[in-house]
Amino acid sequence: MRSRSDSRAENAGLVERSATEGSRIVLVTLTAAGHELVEQLVDRVLGREAELTSILTEQQQAELTELLRVFLDGLRGELGDPVSRTSELDQDRRSKTAARPCPPPMHIVSRP
């Protein structure tokens, strides 16, 4: 069954659906427009993060980063690590001049 968000995203050209032969599974893949939207949203989130942390000194920002890393490591220990690219994204955020790697295609499995 299609979800409303699947249908809206497909109608907006953000995802493509493709049925797998001999199965009732449907792959939902981000299109180039979908990847572009994700990049724009990430840029907005990182920009807002920079605004919010700008009141902190560099030392305080470093301390906050380390505390959040400890917190996330604890969560990963309890819940597992669903995002294996965390270190890549963290490194990219630190370097304003680094080119972002093109993310691999995102596949979401949904039932017809």
C-alpha atoms as a PDB file:
ATOM      1  CA  MET A   1       0.000   0.000   0.000  1.00  0.00           C
ATOM      2  CA  ARG A   2       1.357   3.409  -0.920  1.00  0.00           C
ATOM      3  CA  SER A   3       1.714   5.971   1.782  1.00  0.00           C
ATOM      4  CA  ARG A   4       0.629   9.537   1.197  1.00  0.00           C
ATOM      5  CA  SER A   5       4.208  10.747   1.556  1.00  0.00           C
ATOM      6  CA  ASP A   6       5.367   8.199  -1.073  1.00  0.00           C
ATOM      7  CA  SER A   7       2.714   9.441  -3.487  1.00  0.00           C
ATOM      8  CA  ARG A   8       3.457  13.129  -2.845  1.00  0.00           C
ATOM      9  CA  ALA A   9       7.189  12.582  -3.250  1.00  0.00           C
ATOM     10  CA  GLU A  10       6.643  10.603  -6.435  1.00  0.00           C
ATOM     11  CA  ASN A  11       4.283  13.243  -7.850  1.00  0.00           C
ATOM     12  CA  ALA A  12       6.854  15.924  -7.034  1.00  0.00           C
ATOM     13  CA  GLY A  13       9.529  13.981  -8.930  1.00  0.00           C
ATOM     14  CA  LEU A  14      11.608  13.328  -5.800  1.00  0.00           C
ATOM     15  CA  VAL A  15      11.408   9.525  -5.878  1.00  0.00           C
ATOM     16  CA  GLU A  16      10.852   6.772  -8.394  1.00  0.00           C
ATOM     17  CA  ARG A  17       9.078   3.529  -7.640  1.00  0.00           C
ATOM     18  CA  SER A  18       9.997   0.275  -9.326  1.00  0.00           C
ATOM     19  CA  ALA A  19       8.493  -3.155  -8.768  1.00  0.00           C
ATOM     20  CA  THR A  20      10.839  -6.079  -8.369  1.00  0.00           C
ATOM     21  CA  GLU A  21      10.125  -9.011 -10.632  1.00  0.00           C
ATOM     22  CA  GLY A  22       8.471 -11.948  -8.924  1.00  0.00           C
ATOM     23  CA  SER A  23       7.970 -10.059  -5.677  1.00  0.00           C
ATOM     24  CA  ARG A  24       5.475  -7.756  -4.085  1.00  0.00           C
ATOM     25  CA  ILE A  25       8.287  -5.485  -2.926  1.00  0.00           C
ATOM     26  CA  VAL A  26       8.577  -2.053  -4.507  1.00  0.00           C
ATOM     27  CA  LEU A  27      11.858  -0.125  -4.428  1.00  0.00           C
ATOM     28  CA  VAL A  28      11.576   3.602  -3.842  1.00  0.00           C
ATOM     29  CA  THR A  29      14.674   5.462  -5.022  1.00  0.00           C
ATOM     30  CA  LEU A  30      15.578   9.138  -4.717  1.00  0.00           C
ATOM     31  CA  THR A  31      15.817  10.941  -8.054  1.00  0.00           C
ATOM     32  CA  ALA A  32      18.402  13.630  -8.823  1.00  0.00           C
ATOM     33  CA  ALA A  33      15.797  16.207  -7.726  1.00  0.00           C
ATOM     34  CA  GLY A  34      15.310  14.249  -4.493  1.00  0.00           C
ATOM     35  CA  HIS A  35      19.051  14.239  -3.814  1.00  0.00           C
ATOM     36  CA  GLU A  36      19.190  17.979  -4.545  1.00  0.00           C
ATOM     37  CA  LEU A  37      16.376  18.645  -2.076  1.00  0.00           C
ATOM     38  CA  VAL A  38      18.169  16.595   0.580  1.00  0.00           C
ATOM     39  CA  GLU A  39      21.360  18.619  -0.029  1.00  0.00           C
ATOM     40  CA  GLN A  40      19.435  21.905   0.278  1.00  0.00           C
ATOM     41  CA  LEU A  41      17.824  20.772   3.525  1.00  0.00           C
ATOM     42  CA  VAL A  42      21.149  19.634   4.960  1.00  0.00           C
ATOM     43  CA  ASP A  43      22.653  23.035   4.082  1.00  0.00           C
ATOM     44  CA  ARG A  44      19.755  24.801   5.842  1.00  0.00           C
ATOM     45  CA  VAL A  45      20.075  22.619   8.934  1.00  0.00           C
ATOM     46  CA  LEU A  46      23.844  23.136   9.118  1.00  0.00           C
ATOM     47  CA  GLY A  47      23.378  26.885   8.626  1.00  0.00           C
ATOM     48  CA  ARG A  48      20.873  27.019  11.460  1.00  0.00           C
ATOM     49  CA  GLU A  49      23.179  24.935  13.634  1.00  0.00           C
ATOM     50  CA  ALA A  50      25.980  27.451  12.998  1.00  0.00           C
ATOM     51  CA  GLU A  51      23.638  30.321  13.962  1.00  0.00           C
ATOM     52  CA  LEU A  52      22.595  28.616  17.177  1.00  0.00           C
ATOM     53  CA  THR A  53      26.137  27.740  18.257  1.00  0.00           C
ATOM     54  CA  SER A  54      27.638  31.111  17.279  1.00  0.00           C
ATOM     55  CA  ILE A  55      27.003  32.414  20.811  1.00  0.00           C
ATOM     56  CA  LEU A  56      29.517  29.848  22.097  1.00  0.00           C
ATOM     57  CA  THR A  57      33.278  30.333  22.112  1.00  0.00           C
ATOM     58  CA  GLU A  58      35.391  27.971  20.011  1.00  0.00           C
ATOM     59  CA  GLN A  59      36.326  26.114  23.214  1.00  0.00           C
ATOM     60  CA  GLN A  60      32.668  25.768  24.222  1.00  0.00           C
ATOM     61  CA  GLN A  61      31.770  24.539  20.724  1.00  0.00           C
ATOM     62  CA  ALA A  62      34.553  21.935  20.951  1.00  0.00           C
ATOM     63  CA  GLU A  63      33.286  20.830  24.369  1.00  0.00           C
ATOM     64  CA  LEU A  64      29.712  20.619  23.085  1.00  0.00           C
ATOM     65  CA  THR A  65      30.858  18.577  20.089  1.00  0.00           C
ATOM     66  CA  GLU A  66      32.699  16.150  22.353  1.00  0.00           C
ATOM     67  CA  LEU A  67      29.749  15.814  24.734  1.00  0.00           C
ATOM     68  CA  LEU A  68      27.384  15.152  21.843  1.00  0.00           C
ATOM     69  CA  ARG A  69      29.809  12.559  20.457  1.00  0.00           C
ATOM     70  CA  VAL A  70      29.814  10.761  23.830  1.00  0.00           C
ATOM     71  CA  PHE A  71      26.009  10.942  23.909  1.00  0.00           C
ATOM     72  CA  LEU A  72      25.686   9.525  20.365  1.00  0.00           C
ATOM     73  CA  ASP A  73      28.201   6.763  21.090  1.00  0.00           C
ATOM     74  CA  GLY A  74      26.051   5.748  24.053  1.00  0.00           C
ATOM     75  CA  LEU A  75      22.937   5.682  21.882  1.00  0.00           C
ATOM     76  CA  ARG A  76      24.720   3.631  19.234  1.00  0.00           C
ATOM     77  CA  GLY A  77      25.733   1.170  21.917  1.00  0.00           C
ATOM     78  CA  GLU A  78      22.099   0.734  22.910  1.00  0.00           C
ATOM     79  CA  LEU A  79      20.392   1.031  19.523  1.00  0.00           C
ATOM     80  CA  GLY A  80      23.062   0.055  17.006  1.00  0.00           C
ATOM     81  CA  ASP A  81      24.576   2.312  14.355  1.00  0.00           C
ATOM     82  CA  PRO A  82      22.011   3.041  11.616  1.00  0.00           C
ATOM     83  CA  VAL A  83      24.159   5.757  10.072  1.00  0.00           C
ATOM     84  CA  SER A  84      27.583   4.477   9.112  1.00  0.00           C
ATOM     85  CA  ARG A  85      28.540   7.747   7.409  1.00  0.00           C
ATOM     86  CA  THR A  86      28.416   9.872  10.576  1.00  0.00           C
ATOM     87  CA  SER A  87      32.167  10.446  10.621  1.00  0.00           C
ATOM     88  CA  GLU A  88      32.165  11.458   6.921  1.00  0.00           C
ATOM     89  CA  LEU A  89      29.374  13.970   7.501  1.00  0.00           C
ATOM     90  CA  ASP A  90      31.056  15.320  10.640  1.00  0.00           C
ATOM     91  CA  GLN A  91      34.339  15.763   8.771  1.00  0.00           C
ATOM     92  CA  ASP A  92      32.550  17.484   5.868  1.00  0.00           C
ATOM     93  CA  ARG A  93      30.826  19.899   8.228  1.00  0.00           C
ATOM     94  CA  ARG A  94      34.172  20.967   9.679  1.00  0.00           C
ATOM     95  CA  SER A  95      35.661  21.725   6.304  1.00  0.00           C
ATOM     96  CA  LYS A  96      33.755  24.425   4.450  1.00  0.00           C
ATOM     97  CA  THR A  97      35.895  23.923   1.349  1.00  0.00           C
ATOM     98  CA  ALA A  98      35.494  20.141   1.123  1.00  0.00           C
ATOM     99  CA  ALA A  99      33.318  18.866  -1.703  1.00  0.00           C
ATOM    100  CA  ARG A 100      30.467  16.714  -0.497  1.00  0.00           C
ATOM    101  CA  PRO A 101      30.608  13.121  -1.674  1.00  0.00           C
ATOM    102  CA  CYS A 102      27.680  12.064  -3.791  1.00  0.00           C
ATOM    103  CA  PRO A 103      25.563   9.825  -1.562  1.00  0.00           C
ATOM    104  CA  PRO A 104      24.753   6.353  -2.781  1.00  0.00           C
ATOM    105  CA  PRO A 105      21.234   5.792  -4.095  1.00  0.00           C
ATOM    106  CA  MET A 106      18.748   5.597  -1.270  1.00  0.00           C
ATOM    107  CA  HIS A 107      16.402   2.630  -1.448  1.00  0.00           C
ATOM    108  CA  ILE A 108      13.279   2.452   0.655  1.00  0.00           C
ATOM    109  CA  VAL A 109      11.314  -0.738   0.565  1.00  0.00           C
ATOM    110  CA  SER A 110       7.559  -0.323   0.540  1.00  0.00           C
ATOM    111  CA  ARG A 111       4.769  -2.752  -0.084  1.00  0.00           C
ATOM    112  CA  PRO A 112       2.374  -2.161  -3.042  1.00  0.00           C
END
